[in-house]
Each structure stands twice: as structure tokens, then as C-alpha cells.
Amino acid sequence: MPVRDSYPDGAPCWADLTCADPLAAQDFYGPILGWEFEELGPAHRGYTMCLSEGRPAAGLVPPPAGAERLPPAWNVYLAAADLDAAYRRVAEAGGEGVLAPRQVPDAGRLAYAFDPVGAAFGLWQPGGHAGAAVYGEPGAMCWHELTCPRAEPADAFYAALFPYQQKQMGDGRDFDYTAWSVPGSNGLPVCGRYRAPVPRPFWAVHFAVVDADHAAEQVAGLGGRVLREPFDSPYGRLVPCGDPSGAQLTLCQLP
């Protein structure tokens, strides 16, 4: 597929894994997703790029100083052409900013925040780095969703943060899932919100694989945990799983 060089505002554009042992993460994710790795060195605080056929697909980042005990987790970044304005809207809409916009040398600007239901997310204003250069193919991100137990405040917050058009995909009761599209996405959803009784709300990352069943075997063989056996959905064959550090993700064999 062609290299992707832009994302509309509100679309998830990047993800990185906060992990204390990036070499162990490489040993797990490399075989499953076919990644190679490029360590950017001290100037980038030990950041590691995950490459799919030479194209940036995701990142690995050590925990910040003083926060080494943070649980490993995948971080999702929403594209924001005007980061300062988006960061102001976080508080105006009822969220909490936790890291004000800051420059990442030669790459862009980032910020971090919590939404009103307690899920953390990042905001990214592109500079030299637009986000993932590959999307929707094996070895790349293919979907993102907010999983949370309270739907109404989450939907209201994100609709105020970005011009999401939110479409209910279920009955809103037994199955409450909204798919979100934005201007510039040609009416196609860029992410979603799933209401589920989880103890800690989070943004979930889906990565595409060639064969979901084989990927599930790899997860188990490499020290990870398959949280649910591979199952079919209208959008692909899915494998919710955890890596050896406990960070959760979903692998997806696309239709």
C-alpha cells in the first residue's frame, strides 16, 4: 500500500507502547507483526521506532523518570493540526490536561490528557513525523476504540473535542458501540467507542496480521496471553491478547 503522510483531525494517527524493557517488547512484537526496530538514541529519550517494511508503524518508549512503576500500556494519539486549540478544548469539555503541548525535535508536537471517564490519550500535531506511514495492512494499526463503562460522558467529550459524527452500531443497550467519522475521512469511521464494564477505561489498539489463528499461537509461544480465542466479526477475525508485560492489544485478520 502507498505510504500514508497525513491524518484528518481527530483520527488516531500514532500509537506507542510504554514499556520498561524495550528489548523484550521487540522479541515479542517482531515475530508477530514482522517489525524491525530503529533505536533513536538519547536525544529522543530512548525512543524506538517499529518499522513495517521500513515504514514507521508504531513506537516503543520507556516510562518517564519517576514513573517507572506505571503499568505497560499502548498509548493512542489523535491528530490535531492546531494542538494548542485542541488542548484548550480538553478542559473546556470536562477532561484534564496532564502534559501541555511540547516540541518533539524534528517530529512534531505532542500533549497528553485524560477524558472525563478516565481514559488517557495523546494529541499529535505533525511536523516531520505525520504519524504511522502504514495503516490497514498486516504489520500496521487497523483500528482504535475507546473502551469504557460510561458511554454518555465519553461521547459528549469527544464530540466537543473534535467534529466527530457518532453512529450507533448496536441497540445501545445490550450492545452499545458507536463508530466515529470526521471531516476528511470520506464518511468512513476512524475509531469507535465500546461500552463495557472494564475497571479502567482505555484506548485499545488493533494491529493487522495475515493469520489470526497463527498469531494467537505466536502470542502464547512468546510469553503473551490470549484473552479470548480467535473469533469472527464483520470486520475481521479478532484476537484480544496481552503481551508479556501485560499491555493489552487486539490482533486482527482483516476481511
C-alpha atoms as a PDB file:
ATOM      1  CA  MET A   1       0.000   0.000   0.000  1.00  0.00           C
ATOM      2  CA  PRO A   2       1.161   3.597  -0.523  1.00  0.00           C
ATOM      3  CA  VAL A   3       2.906   5.490   2.270  1.00  0.00           C
ATOM      4  CA  ARG A   4       0.435   7.452   4.360  1.00  0.00           C
ATOM      5  CA  ASP A   5       1.524  11.037   5.002  1.00  0.00           C
ATOM      6  CA  SER A   6      -1.480  12.723   6.661  1.00  0.00           C
ATOM      7  CA  TYR A   7      -4.440  12.181   9.004  1.00  0.00           C
ATOM      8  CA  PRO A   8      -7.548  14.340   9.455  1.00  0.00           C
ATOM      9  CA  ASP A   9      -8.141  15.987  12.828  1.00  0.00           C
ATOM     10  CA  GLY A  10      -9.456  13.502  15.376  1.00  0.00           C
ATOM     11  CA  ALA A  11      -8.215  10.404  13.570  1.00  0.00           C
ATOM     12  CA  PRO A  12      -5.851   8.169  15.550  1.00  0.00           C
ATOM     13  CA  CYS A  13      -2.531   8.688  13.822  1.00  0.00           C
ATOM     14  CA  TRP A  14       0.067   7.008  16.042  1.00  0.00           C
ATOM     15  CA  ALA A  15       0.495   4.595  18.926  1.00  0.00           C
ATOM     16  CA  ASP A  16       3.417   3.756  21.149  1.00  0.00           C
ATOM     17  CA  LEU A  17       3.968   1.255  23.920  1.00  0.00           C
ATOM     18  CA  THR A  18       5.254   2.491  27.268  1.00  0.00           C
ATOM     19  CA  CYS A  19       7.474  -0.348  28.467  1.00  0.00           C
ATOM     20  CA  ALA A  20      10.408  -0.722  30.838  1.00  0.00           C
ATOM     21  CA  ASP A  21      12.092  -3.392  28.696  1.00  0.00           C
ATOM     22  CA  PRO A  22      12.029  -2.430  25.004  1.00  0.00           C
ATOM     23  CA  LEU A  23      14.252  -5.361  24.018  1.00  0.00           C
ATOM     24  CA  ALA A  24      11.739  -7.815  25.462  1.00  0.00           C
ATOM     25  CA  ALA A  25       8.975  -5.963  23.598  1.00  0.00           C
ATOM     26  CA  GLN A  26      10.935  -6.292  20.375  1.00  0.00           C
ATOM     27  CA  ASP A  27      11.304 -10.045  20.920  1.00  0.00           C
ATOM     28  CA  PHE A  28       7.512 -10.318  21.215  1.00  0.00           C
ATOM     29  CA  TYR A  29       6.220  -7.914  18.581  1.00  0.00           C
ATOM     30  CA  GLY A  30       8.895  -8.501  15.949  1.00  0.00           C
ATOM     31  CA  PRO A  31       7.876 -12.079  15.043  1.00  0.00           C
ATOM     32  CA  ILE A  32       4.129 -11.438  15.310  1.00  0.00           C
ATOM     33  CA  LEU A  33       3.919  -8.218  13.300  1.00  0.00           C
ATOM     34  CA  GLY A  34       7.048  -8.558  11.164  1.00  0.00           C
ATOM     35  CA  TRP A  35       8.580  -5.423  12.607  1.00  0.00           C
ATOM     36  CA  GLU A  36      12.152  -4.242  12.515  1.00  0.00           C
ATOM     37  CA  PHE A  37      13.339  -1.692  15.036  1.00  0.00           C
ATOM     38  CA  GLU A  38      15.291   1.564  14.947  1.00  0.00           C
ATOM     39  CA  GLU A  39      16.528   2.976  18.251  1.00  0.00           C
ATOM     40  CA  LEU A  40      16.639   6.780  18.093  1.00  0.00           C
ATOM     41  CA  GLY A  41      19.108   7.230  20.928  1.00  0.00           C
ATOM     42  CA  PRO A  42      19.479   9.561  23.936  1.00  0.00           C
ATOM     43  CA  ALA A  43      18.396  12.691  22.055  1.00  0.00           C
ATOM     44  CA  HIS A  44      14.941  11.102  21.762  1.00  0.00           C
ATOM     45  CA  ARG A  45      14.912   9.680  25.308  1.00  0.00           C
ATOM     46  CA  GLY A  46      15.467   6.117  24.194  1.00  0.00           C
ATOM     47  CA  TYR A  47      12.526   6.062  21.780  1.00  0.00           C
ATOM     48  CA  THR A  48      12.391   3.099  19.388  1.00  0.00           C
ATOM     49  CA  MET A  49      10.622   3.130  16.040  1.00  0.00           C
ATOM     50  CA  CYS A  50       8.794  -0.030  14.967  1.00  0.00           C
ATOM     51  CA  LEU A  51       9.132  -0.387  11.199  1.00  0.00           C
ATOM     52  CA  SER A  52       6.975  -2.387   8.802  1.00  0.00           C
ATOM     53  CA  GLU A  53       8.918  -2.854   5.553  1.00  0.00           C
ATOM     54  CA  GLY A  54      10.957   0.201   6.513  1.00  0.00           C
ATOM     55  CA  ARG A  55       7.917   2.394   7.255  1.00  0.00           C
ATOM     56  CA  PRO A  56       7.126   3.753  10.745  1.00  0.00           C
ATOM     57  CA  ALA A  57       4.223   1.738  12.150  1.00  0.00           C
ATOM     58  CA  ALA A  58       4.366   2.377  15.924  1.00  0.00           C
ATOM     59  CA  GLY A  59       6.813   3.140  18.716  1.00  0.00           C
ATOM     60  CA  LEU A  60       8.296   1.877  21.977  1.00  0.00           C
ATOM     61  CA  VAL A  61       9.002   4.372  24.749  1.00  0.00           C
ATOM     62  CA  PRO A  62      10.463   3.912  28.252  1.00  0.00           C
ATOM     63  CA  PRO A  63       8.400   5.257  31.160  1.00  0.00           C
ATOM     64  CA  PRO A  64       9.199   8.827  32.189  1.00  0.00           C
ATOM     65  CA  ALA A  65      11.586   9.419  35.081  1.00  0.00           C
ATOM     66  CA  GLY A  66       9.820   8.906  38.378  1.00  0.00           C
ATOM     67  CA  ALA A  67       7.049   6.847  36.795  1.00  0.00           C
ATOM     68  CA  GLU A  68       8.855   3.563  36.289  1.00  0.00           C
ATOM     69  CA  ARG A  69       6.050   1.685  38.039  1.00  0.00           C
ATOM     70  CA  LEU A  70       3.418   2.778  35.536  1.00  0.00           C
ATOM     71  CA  PRO A  71       1.738  -0.321  34.090  1.00  0.00           C
ATOM     72  CA  PRO A  72       2.827  -1.017  30.488  1.00  0.00           C
ATOM     73  CA  ALA A  73       0.207   0.185  28.027  1.00  0.00           C
ATOM     74  CA  TRP A  74      -0.326   1.216  24.432  1.00  0.00           C
ATOM     75  CA  ASN A  75      -0.842   4.975  24.041  1.00  0.00           C
ATOM     76  CA  VAL A  76      -3.077   6.307  21.239  1.00  0.00           C
ATOM     77  CA  TYR A  77      -2.546   9.744  19.672  1.00  0.00           C
ATOM     78  CA  LEU A  78      -5.295  11.722  17.939  1.00  0.00           C
ATOM     79  CA  ALA A  79      -4.244  14.023  15.101  1.00  0.00           C
ATOM     80  CA  ALA A  80      -4.601  17.755  15.813  1.00  0.00           C
ATOM     81  CA  ALA A  81      -3.475  20.317  13.265  1.00  0.00           C
ATOM     82  CA  ASP A  82      -3.819  23.038  15.946  1.00  0.00           C
ATOM     83  CA  LEU A  83      -2.550  21.337  19.091  1.00  0.00           C
ATOM     84  CA  ASP A  84      -2.882  24.361  21.359  1.00  0.00           C
ATOM     85  CA  ALA A  85      -6.558  24.813  20.489  1.00  0.00           C
ATOM     86  CA  ALA A  86      -7.283  21.088  20.904  1.00  0.00           C
ATOM     87  CA  TYR A  87      -5.527  21.039  24.288  1.00  0.00           C
ATOM     88  CA  ARG A  88      -7.635  24.000  25.464  1.00  0.00           C
ATOM     89  CA  ARG A  89     -10.794  22.165  24.437  1.00  0.00           C
ATOM     90  CA  VAL A  90      -9.845  19.231  26.668  1.00  0.00           C
ATOM     91  CA  ALA A  91     -10.504  21.255  29.831  1.00  0.00           C
ATOM     92  CA  GLU A  92     -13.457  23.107  28.326  1.00  0.00           C
ATOM     93  CA  ALA A  93     -15.141  19.769  27.548  1.00  0.00           C
ATOM     94  CA  GLY A  94     -14.567  18.318  31.008  1.00  0.00           C
ATOM     95  CA  GLY A  95     -11.278  16.463  30.566  1.00  0.00           C
ATOM     96  CA  GLU A  96      -7.941  17.017  32.265  1.00  0.00           C
ATOM     97  CA  GLY A  97      -4.698  18.003  30.598  1.00  0.00           C
ATOM     98  CA  VAL A  98      -1.677  16.219  32.073  1.00  0.00           C
ATOM     99  CA  LEU A  99       1.128  17.315  29.723  1.00  0.00           C
ATOM    100  CA  ALA A 100       0.890  20.656  27.962  1.00  0.00           C
ATOM    101  CA  PRO A 101       1.955  20.850  24.310  1.00  0.00           C
ATOM    102  CA  ARG A 102       5.666  20.263  23.889  1.00  0.00           C
ATOM    103  CA  GLN A 103       8.016  20.006  20.946  1.00  0.00           C
ATOM    104  CA  VAL A 104       9.498  16.709  19.807  1.00  0.00           C
ATOM    105  CA  PRO A 105      12.665  17.551  17.841  1.00  0.00           C
ATOM    106  CA  ASP A 106      12.309  17.094  14.089  1.00  0.00           C
ATOM    107  CA  ALA A 107       8.973  15.310  14.504  1.00  0.00           C
ATOM    108  CA  GLY A 108       6.080  17.485  15.735  1.00  0.00           C
ATOM    109  CA  ARG A 109       4.335  18.464  18.954  1.00  0.00           C
ATOM    110  CA  LEU A 110       2.508  16.322  21.478  1.00  0.00           C
ATOM    111  CA  ALA A 111       0.286  16.613  24.531  1.00  0.00           C
ATOM    112  CA  TYR A 112      -1.377  14.159  26.908  1.00  0.00           C
ATOM    113  CA  ALA A 113      -4.757  14.284  28.616  1.00  0.00           C
ATOM    114  CA  PHE A 114      -7.442  12.294  30.412  1.00  0.00           C
ATOM    115  CA  ASP A 115     -11.043  12.248  29.253  1.00  0.00           C
ATOM    116  CA  PRO A 116     -13.907  12.533  31.805  1.00  0.00           C
ATOM    117  CA  VAL A 117     -14.273   8.745  32.129  1.00  0.00           C
ATOM    118  CA  GLY A 118     -10.595   8.315  32.996  1.00  0.00           C
ATOM    119  CA  ALA A 119      -9.013   7.116  29.747  1.00  0.00           C
ATOM    120  CA  ALA A 120      -5.636   8.583  28.813  1.00  0.00           C
ATOM    121  CA  PHE A 121      -4.880   9.695  25.265  1.00  0.00           C
ATOM    122  CA  GLY A 122      -2.343  11.741  23.344  1.00  0.00           C
ATOM    123  CA  LEU A 123      -2.681  14.555  20.848  1.00  0.00           C
ATOM    124  CA  TRP A 124      -0.235  14.900  17.973  1.00  0.00           C
ATOM    125  CA  GLN A 125       0.466  17.883  15.719  1.00  0.00           C
ATOM    126  CA  PRO A 126       2.610  16.650  12.839  1.00  0.00           C
ATOM    127  CA  GLY A 127       5.920  18.164  11.874  1.00  0.00           C
ATOM    128  CA  GLY A 128       8.474  15.918  10.227  1.00  0.00           C
ATOM    129  CA  HIS A 129       6.521  12.908  11.509  1.00  0.00           C
ATOM    130  CA  ALA A 130       2.910  12.756  10.314  1.00  0.00           C
ATOM    131  CA  GLY A 131       2.130   9.560  12.194  1.00  0.00           C
ATOM    132  CA  ALA A 132       2.077   5.949  11.046  1.00  0.00           C
ATOM    133  CA  ALA A 133       3.267   5.762   7.462  1.00  0.00           C
ATOM    134  CA  VAL A 134       1.393   2.488   7.006  1.00  0.00           C
ATOM    135  CA  TYR A 135      -2.183   1.707   8.052  1.00  0.00           C
ATOM    136  CA  GLY A 136      -4.759  -1.019   7.486  1.00  0.00           C
ATOM    137  CA  GLU A 137      -2.435  -3.783   6.319  1.00  0.00           C
ATOM    138  CA  PRO A 138      -0.535  -6.589   8.085  1.00  0.00           C
ATOM    139  CA  GLY A 139       2.070  -5.130  10.422  1.00  0.00           C
ATOM    140  CA  ALA A 140       0.171  -1.874  10.861  1.00  0.00           C
ATOM    141  CA  MET A 141      -2.561  -0.390  13.008  1.00  0.00           C
ATOM    142  CA  CYS A 142      -6.007  -1.016  11.578  1.00  0.00           C
ATOM    143  CA  TRP A 143      -8.475   0.232  14.217  1.00  0.00           C
ATOM    144  CA  HIS A 144      -8.751   2.057  17.550  1.00  0.00           C
ATOM    145  CA  GLU A 145     -11.554   2.157  20.072  1.00  0.00           C
ATOM    146  CA  LEU A 146     -12.257   3.688  23.447  1.00  0.00           C
ATOM    147  CA  THR A 147     -13.440   1.009  25.881  1.00  0.00           C
ATOM    148  CA  CYS A 148     -15.254   2.433  28.891  1.00  0.00           C
ATOM    149  CA  PRO A 149     -18.194   1.671  31.210  1.00  0.00           C
ATOM    150  CA  ARG A 150     -19.907   5.069  30.825  1.00  0.00           C
ATOM    151  CA  ALA A 151     -20.875   5.969  27.288  1.00  0.00           C
ATOM    152  CA  GLU A 152     -22.678   9.307  27.551  1.00  0.00           C
ATOM    153  CA  PRO A 153     -19.882  11.443  29.072  1.00  0.00           C
ATOM    154  CA  ALA A 154     -17.337   9.883  26.731  1.00  0.00           C
ATOM    155  CA  ASP A 155     -19.413  10.560  23.619  1.00  0.00           C
ATOM    156  CA  ALA A 156     -20.139  14.137  24.695  1.00  0.00           C
ATOM    157  CA  PHE A 157     -16.498  14.888  25.499  1.00  0.00           C
ATOM    158  CA  TYR A 158     -15.024  13.649  22.238  1.00  0.00           C
ATOM    159  CA  ALA A 159     -17.769  15.292  20.169  1.00  0.00           C
ATOM    160  CA  ALA A 160     -16.737  18.588  21.767  1.00  0.00           C
ATOM    161  CA  LEU A 161     -13.022  17.872  21.258  1.00  0.00           C
ATOM    162  CA  PHE A 162     -13.260  17.074  17.534  1.00  0.00           C
ATOM    163  CA  PRO A 163     -16.110  17.207  14.973  1.00  0.00           C
ATOM    164  CA  TYR A 164     -16.883  13.505  15.253  1.00  0.00           C
ATOM    165  CA  GLN A 165     -20.040  12.151  13.654  1.00  0.00           C
ATOM    166  CA  GLN A 166     -21.007   9.319  16.012  1.00  0.00           C
ATOM    167  CA  LYS A 167     -23.153   6.486  14.669  1.00  0.00           C
ATOM    168  CA  GLN A 168     -24.682   3.832  16.936  1.00  0.00           C
ATOM    169  CA  MET A 169     -23.798   0.369  15.614  1.00  0.00           C
ATOM    170  CA  GLY A 170     -25.745  -1.704  18.158  1.00  0.00           C
ATOM    171  CA  ASP A 171     -29.014  -1.391  20.003  1.00  0.00           C
ATOM    172  CA  GLY A 172     -27.472   0.997  22.544  1.00  0.00           C
ATOM    173  CA  ARG A 173     -28.431  -1.288  25.427  1.00  0.00           C
ATOM    174  CA  ASP A 174     -27.126  -4.861  25.228  1.00  0.00           C
ATOM    175  CA  PHE A 175     -24.534  -3.826  22.648  1.00  0.00           C
ATOM    176  CA  ASP A 176     -23.525  -0.172  22.807  1.00  0.00           C
ATOM    177  CA  TYR A 177     -20.909   0.710  20.181  1.00  0.00           C
ATOM    178  CA  THR A 178     -20.560   3.987  18.319  1.00  0.00           C
ATOM    179  CA  ALA A 179     -18.383   4.434  15.228  1.00  0.00           C
ATOM    180  CA  TRP A 180     -16.853   7.880  14.743  1.00  0.00           C
ATOM    181  CA  SER A 181     -16.050   9.599  11.464  1.00  0.00           C
ATOM    182  CA  VAL A 182     -14.537  13.045  10.911  1.00  0.00           C
ATOM    183  CA  PRO A 183     -14.403  15.582   8.081  1.00  0.00           C
ATOM    184  CA  GLY A 184     -11.731  14.381   5.718  1.00  0.00           C
ATOM    185  CA  SER A 185     -12.380  10.674   6.281  1.00  0.00           C
ATOM    186  CA  ASN A 186     -14.821  10.390   3.343  1.00  0.00           C
ATOM    187  CA  GLY A 187     -17.581   9.322   5.711  1.00  0.00           C
ATOM    188  CA  LEU A 188     -15.627   6.284   6.860  1.00  0.00           C
ATOM    189  CA  PRO A 189     -15.215   5.746  10.612  1.00  0.00           C
ATOM    190  CA  VAL A 190     -11.745   6.390  12.013  1.00  0.00           C
ATOM    191  CA  CYS A 191     -12.332   4.965  15.511  1.00  0.00           C
ATOM    192  CA  GLY A 192     -15.070   3.893  17.875  1.00  0.00           C
ATOM    193  CA  ARG A 193     -16.390   3.778  21.430  1.00  0.00           C
ATOM    194  CA  TYR A 194     -17.359   0.492  23.089  1.00  0.00           C
ATOM    195  CA  ARG A 195     -19.300   0.426  26.367  1.00  0.00           C
ATOM    196  CA  ALA A 196     -18.060  -2.439  28.543  1.00  0.00           C
ATOM    197  CA  PRO A 197     -17.738  -2.992  32.311  1.00  0.00           C
ATOM    198  CA  VAL A 198     -13.969  -2.545  32.456  1.00  0.00           C
ATOM    199  CA  PRO A 199     -12.320  -1.393  35.711  1.00  0.00           C
ATOM    200  CA  ARG A 200     -10.044   1.044  33.891  1.00  0.00           C
ATOM    201  CA  PRO A 201     -11.161   2.799  30.683  1.00  0.00           C
ATOM    202  CA  PHE A 202      -8.583   2.730  27.902  1.00  0.00           C
ATOM    203  CA  TRP A 203      -7.990   3.340  24.229  1.00  0.00           C
ATOM    204  CA  ALA A 204      -7.438  -0.022  22.524  1.00  0.00           C
ATOM    205  CA  VAL A 205      -5.162  -0.538  19.525  1.00  0.00           C
ATOM    206  CA  HIS A 206      -5.812  -3.138  16.818  1.00  0.00           C
ATOM    207  CA  PHE A 207      -2.920  -4.374  14.663  1.00  0.00           C
ATOM    208  CA  ALA A 208      -3.491  -6.281  11.434  1.00  0.00           C
ATOM    209  CA  VAL A 209      -1.982  -9.737  10.911  1.00  0.00           C
ATOM    210  CA  VAL A 210      -2.063 -12.174   7.999  1.00  0.00           C
ATOM    211  CA  ASP A 211      -3.461 -15.116  10.010  1.00  0.00           C
ATOM    212  CA  ALA A 212      -5.228 -14.554  13.335  1.00  0.00           C
ATOM    213  CA  ASP A 213      -5.046 -18.181  14.448  1.00  0.00           C
ATOM    214  CA  HIS A 214      -1.321 -18.388  13.784  1.00  0.00           C
ATOM    215  CA  ALA A 215      -0.824 -15.061  15.549  1.00  0.00           C
ATOM    216  CA  ALA A 216      -2.671 -16.405  18.610  1.00  0.00           C
ATOM    217  CA  GLU A 217      -0.282 -19.362  18.701  1.00  0.00           C
ATOM    218  CA  GLN A 218       2.660 -16.966  18.475  1.00  0.00           C
ATOM    219  CA  VAL A 219       1.314 -14.832  21.321  1.00  0.00           C
ATOM    220  CA  ALA A 220       1.153 -17.853  23.619  1.00  0.00           C
ATOM    221  CA  GLY A 221       4.504 -19.191  22.467  1.00  0.00           C
ATOM    222  CA  LEU A 222       6.262 -15.865  23.045  1.00  0.00           C
ATOM    223  CA  GLY A 223       5.055 -15.420  26.611  1.00  0.00           C
ATOM    224  CA  GLY A 224       1.930 -13.365  25.965  1.00  0.00           C
ATOM    225  CA  ARG A 225      -1.627 -14.222  26.881  1.00  0.00           C
ATOM    226  CA  VAL A 226      -4.601 -14.832  24.594  1.00  0.00           C
ATOM    227  CA  LEU A 227      -7.524 -13.162  26.370  1.00  0.00           C
ATOM    228  CA  ARG A 228     -10.109 -14.673  24.040  1.00  0.00           C
ATOM    229  CA  GLU A 229      -9.713 -17.337  21.403  1.00  0.00           C
ATOM    230  CA  PRO A 230      -9.819 -16.031  17.800  1.00  0.00           C
ATOM    231  CA  PHE A 231     -13.351 -15.150  16.738  1.00  0.00           C
ATOM    232  CA  ASP A 232     -15.001 -13.787  13.615  1.00  0.00           C
ATOM    233  CA  SER A 233     -16.634 -10.378  13.357  1.00  0.00           C
ATOM    234  CA  PRO A 234     -17.984  -8.394  10.400  1.00  0.00           C
ATOM    235  CA  TYR A 235     -14.677  -6.512  10.393  1.00  0.00           C
ATOM    236  CA  GLY A 236     -12.246  -9.413  10.580  1.00  0.00           C
ATOM    237  CA  ARG A 237     -11.069 -12.294  12.741  1.00  0.00           C
ATOM    238  CA  LEU A 238     -10.014 -10.876  16.117  1.00  0.00           C
ATOM    239  CA  VAL A 239      -7.623 -11.964  18.879  1.00  0.00           C
ATOM    240  CA  PRO A 240      -7.715  -9.853  22.059  1.00  0.00           C
ATOM    241  CA  CYS A 241      -4.446 -10.505  23.858  1.00  0.00           C
ATOM    242  CA  GLY A 242      -1.802  -9.215  26.226  1.00  0.00           C
ATOM    243  CA  ASP A 243       1.936  -9.014  25.672  1.00  0.00           C
ATOM    244  CA  PRO A 244       4.370 -10.491  28.246  1.00  0.00           C
ATOM    245  CA  SER A 245       4.434  -7.200  30.165  1.00  0.00           C
ATOM    246  CA  GLY A 246       0.623  -7.129  30.443  1.00  0.00           C
ATOM    247  CA  ALA A 247      -0.128  -4.425  27.849  1.00  0.00           C
ATOM    248  CA  GLN A 248      -3.360  -5.215  26.014  1.00  0.00           C
ATOM    249  CA  LEU A 249      -3.981  -5.067  22.274  1.00  0.00           C
ATOM    250  CA  THR A 250      -6.080  -6.792  19.622  1.00  0.00           C
ATOM    251  CA  LEU A 251      -4.740  -8.594  16.564  1.00  0.00           C
ATOM    252  CA  CYS A 252      -6.996  -8.605  13.526  1.00  0.00           C
ATOM    253  CA  GLN A 253      -7.027 -10.637  10.341  1.00  0.00           C
ATOM    254  CA  LEU A 254      -8.788  -8.212   8.023  1.00  0.00           C
ATOM    255  CA  PRO A 255     -11.592  -9.481   5.749  1.00  0.00           C
END
